[in-house]
Amino acid sequence: SVKISAIPVWLRKKSIFREAGEIIAEGKNVTRIGITGSYGKSSTKKILVHLLREKYGADAVLTNPGNENNELAIARLIQRNDRFFVDPTTGPKKKFFVCEVGAYKKGEIAQVCEFLQPQLGILTGLNAQHVGLFGSAEKLRKAKFELAEACSKTIFFNADTPALVEIFEDQKIT
């Protein structure tokens, strides 16, 4: 019965993700920025949001609160703030959605990126603190790199993190 009840839950989640993607697609004037890493996600997000709000105004920036950084929380945030993504006739012409993206296993960041469609990304750093969740350091690296693979414009990364430098050298990212 657990497996059978999982089917409608899975279908509902897919519906929520699809709707979030449709809302995001409407936001032609919204720059979407994803942030992930083993550490420093929240701090990086807070600093970036502060700087963007100072320059463009508080109503020009949307971000996910606290550590609500899993795929369902992000999709629901997009749904609740669908008006933010509508091209405005009044209000800020330039908008930013700064999204902290967390994960507990490979594929979760890719799932968020599927509907988020990030243009810019920031990989804050990698270390061994989440290896237990992912099963190995290699799986952790591949999971976090899902953001870089999904970004349509630019990915920024912490060049002081040897694991990130190695990933970018392996992937021949320019």
Protein backbone atom coordinates (compact mmCIF):
# COMPACT_ATOMS: atom_id res chain seq x y z
CA SER A 1 0.00 0.00 0.00
CA VAL A 2 2.94 2.33 0.59
CA LYS A 3 4.11 1.87 -3.00
CA ILE A 4 0.61 2.40 -4.35
CA SER A 5 0.10 5.57 -2.31
CA ALA A 6 3.44 6.89 -3.58
CA ILE A 7 2.05 7.10 -7.13
CA PRO A 8 -0.39 10.00 -6.54
CA VAL A 9 2.22 11.80 -4.45
CA TRP A 10 4.75 11.47 -7.28
CA LEU A 11 2.18 12.66 -9.83
CA ARG A 12 1.28 15.68 -7.67
CA LYS A 13 4.95 16.61 -7.24
CA LYS A 14 5.49 16.40 -11.00
CA SER A 15 2.46 18.66 -11.50
CA ILE A 16 3.84 21.21 -9.02
CA PHE A 17 7.25 21.16 -10.75
CA ARG A 18 5.65 21.58 -14.19
CA GLU A 19 3.58 24.54 -12.99
CA ALA A 20 6.68 26.13 -11.41
CA GLY A 21 8.50 25.75 -14.73
CA GLU A 22 5.63 27.42 -16.59
CA ILE A 23 5.66 30.34 -14.13
CA ILE A 24 9.44 30.71 -14.44
CA ALA A 25 9.14 30.73 -18.24
CA GLU A 26 6.87 33.80 -18.00
CA GLY A 27 9.56 35.77 -16.15
CA LYS A 28 11.51 37.07 -19.11
CA ASN A 29 12.85 39.99 -17.06
CA VAL A 30 13.86 37.82 -14.06
CA THR A 31 17.48 36.74 -13.74
CA ARG A 32 17.55 33.34 -12.04
CA ILE A 33 20.54 32.60 -9.82
CA GLY A 34 21.10 29.19 -8.21
CA ILE A 35 23.45 28.67 -5.27
CA THR A 36 24.64 25.30 -3.98
CA GLY A 37 27.57 23.70 -2.21
CA SER A 38 28.46 21.76 0.92
CA TYR A 39 28.77 24.95 2.94
CA GLY A 40 28.27 28.70 2.58
CA LYS A 41 24.99 28.55 0.62
CA SER A 42 22.91 30.60 3.05
CA SER A 43 25.64 33.17 3.73
CA THR A 44 26.34 33.64 0.03
CA LYS A 45 22.61 33.97 -0.66
CA LYS A 46 22.14 36.56 2.11
CA ILE A 47 25.06 38.69 0.93
CA LEU A 48 23.96 38.56 -2.72
CA VAL A 49 20.33 39.34 -1.86
CA HIS A 50 21.45 42.29 0.28
CA LEU A 51 23.59 43.71 -2.53
CA LEU A 52 20.86 43.27 -5.16
CA ARG A 53 18.20 44.85 -2.93
CA GLU A 54 20.48 47.81 -2.22
CA LYS A 55 21.01 48.41 -5.94
CA TYR A 56 17.61 47.47 -7.43
CA GLY A 57 15.17 47.73 -4.49
CA ALA A 58 13.54 45.21 -2.19
CA ASP A 59 10.68 44.44 -4.58
CA ALA A 60 13.15 43.48 -7.33
CA VAL A 61 14.52 40.44 -5.47
CA LEU A 62 12.84 37.16 -4.50
CA THR A 63 14.66 34.49 -2.52
CA ASN A 64 13.81 31.33 -0.66
CA PRO A 65 13.62 31.85 3.09
CA GLY A 66 15.91 30.13 5.57
CA ASN A 67 16.85 26.66 4.53
CA GLU A 68 13.73 25.97 2.44
CA ASN A 69 15.97 24.76 -0.34
CA ASN A 70 14.58 21.42 -1.53
CA GLU A 71 12.77 20.92 -4.82
CA LEU A 72 9.23 20.98 -3.41
CA ALA A 73 9.79 24.05 -1.21
CA ILE A 74 11.32 25.96 -4.13
CA ALA A 75 8.51 25.00 -6.52
CA ARG A 76 5.86 26.07 -3.99
CA LEU A 77 7.69 29.38 -3.41
CA ILE A 78 7.52 30.03 -7.15
CA GLN A 79 3.80 29.19 -7.18
CA ARG A 80 3.07 31.47 -4.21
CA ASN A 81 4.99 34.32 -5.86
CA ASP A 82 3.79 33.86 -9.44
CA ARG A 83 3.09 37.61 -9.75
CA PHE A 84 6.81 38.28 -9.28
CA PHE A 85 7.54 36.48 -12.55
CA VAL A 86 4.95 38.33 -14.64
CA ASP A 87 6.46 40.95 -16.92
CA PRO A 88 5.55 44.20 -15.17
CA THR A 89 3.94 47.28 -16.60
CA THR A 90 4.91 49.02 -13.36
CA GLY A 91 7.53 48.21 -10.78
CA PRO A 92 11.12 47.10 -11.28
CA LYS A 93 12.11 46.36 -14.84
CA LYS A 94 15.01 44.17 -13.72
CA LYS A 95 14.29 41.39 -11.21
CA PHE A 96 16.30 38.62 -9.58
CA PHE A 97 15.32 35.25 -8.16
CA VAL A 98 18.16 34.12 -5.88
CA CYS A 99 17.62 30.47 -5.04
CA GLU A 100 19.57 28.39 -2.56
CA VAL A 101 19.43 24.76 -3.72
CA GLY A 102 20.11 21.90 -1.34
CA ALA A 103 20.18 18.16 -1.99
CA TYR A 104 20.28 14.85 -0.17
CA LYS A 105 21.03 12.72 -3.22
CA LYS A 106 22.17 12.92 -6.82
CA GLY A 107 19.47 14.18 -9.15
CA GLU A 108 17.71 16.56 -6.74
CA ILE A 109 19.63 19.65 -7.90
CA ALA A 110 19.01 18.65 -11.53
CA GLN A 111 15.30 18.33 -10.74
CA VAL A 112 15.20 21.87 -9.33
CA CYS A 113 17.20 23.18 -12.29
CA GLU A 114 14.73 21.59 -14.69
CA PHE A 115 12.03 24.06 -13.65
CA LEU A 116 14.27 26.85 -12.29
CA GLN A 117 16.28 27.15 -15.53
CA PRO A 118 19.13 29.05 -13.80
CA GLN A 119 21.07 31.52 -15.87
CA LEU A 120 23.75 32.11 -13.25
CA GLY A 121 25.08 29.71 -10.66
CA ILE A 122 27.35 29.80 -7.66
CA LEU A 123 29.09 26.70 -6.25
CA THR A 124 30.28 27.76 -2.80
CA GLY A 125 32.49 24.84 -1.90
CA LEU A 126 32.70 21.09 -1.36
CA ASN A 127 33.87 19.06 1.58
CA ALA A 128 33.27 15.65 3.11
CA GLN A 129 30.44 16.65 5.47
CA HIS A 130 27.72 15.31 3.13
CA VAL A 131 29.52 12.25 1.76
CA GLY A 132 27.41 9.97 3.97
CA LEU A 133 24.21 11.26 2.35
CA PHE A 134 25.49 10.78 -1.18
CA GLY A 135 27.44 7.55 -0.69
CA SER A 136 30.81 8.79 -1.94
CA ALA A 137 32.80 11.94 -2.61
CA GLU A 138 32.43 11.34 -6.35
CA LYS A 139 28.61 11.16 -6.13
CA LEU A 140 28.60 14.34 -4.04
CA ARG A 141 30.74 16.13 -6.63
CA LYS A 142 28.50 14.99 -9.48
CA ALA A 143 25.36 16.04 -7.60
CA LYS A 144 26.63 19.54 -6.85
CA PHE A 145 27.91 19.92 -10.41
CA GLU A 146 24.32 19.50 -11.68
CA LEU A 147 23.87 23.25 -11.11
CA ALA A 148 26.85 24.10 -13.33
CA GLU A 149 25.53 21.83 -16.08
CA ALA A 150 22.12 23.55 -15.97
CA CYS A 151 23.26 27.20 -16.01
CA SER A 152 22.67 28.90 -19.33
CA LYS A 153 25.12 31.80 -18.88
CA THR A 154 27.75 31.78 -16.15
CA ILE A 155 28.80 29.61 -13.23
CA PHE A 156 30.95 30.98 -10.43
CA PHE A 157 32.83 28.67 -8.11
CA ASN A 158 35.16 28.81 -5.14
CA ALA A 159 38.59 28.33 -6.71
CA ASP A 160 40.03 27.72 -3.22
CA THR A 161 38.22 24.37 -3.16
CA PRO A 162 40.45 21.75 -4.82
CA ALA A 163 37.48 19.43 -5.53
CA LEU A 164 35.67 22.18 -7.44
CA VAL A 165 38.78 23.15 -9.40
CA GLU A 166 39.23 19.48 -10.33
CA ILE A 167 35.59 19.17 -11.48
CA PHE A 168 35.84 22.26 -13.66
CA GLU A 169 39.13 21.12 -15.15
CA ASP A 170 37.65 17.67 -15.87
CA GLN A 171 34.55 19.13 -17.50
CA LYS A 172 36.45 21.65 -19.60
CA ILE A 173 34.08 24.45 -18.55
CA THR A 174 35.02 27.87 -19.90
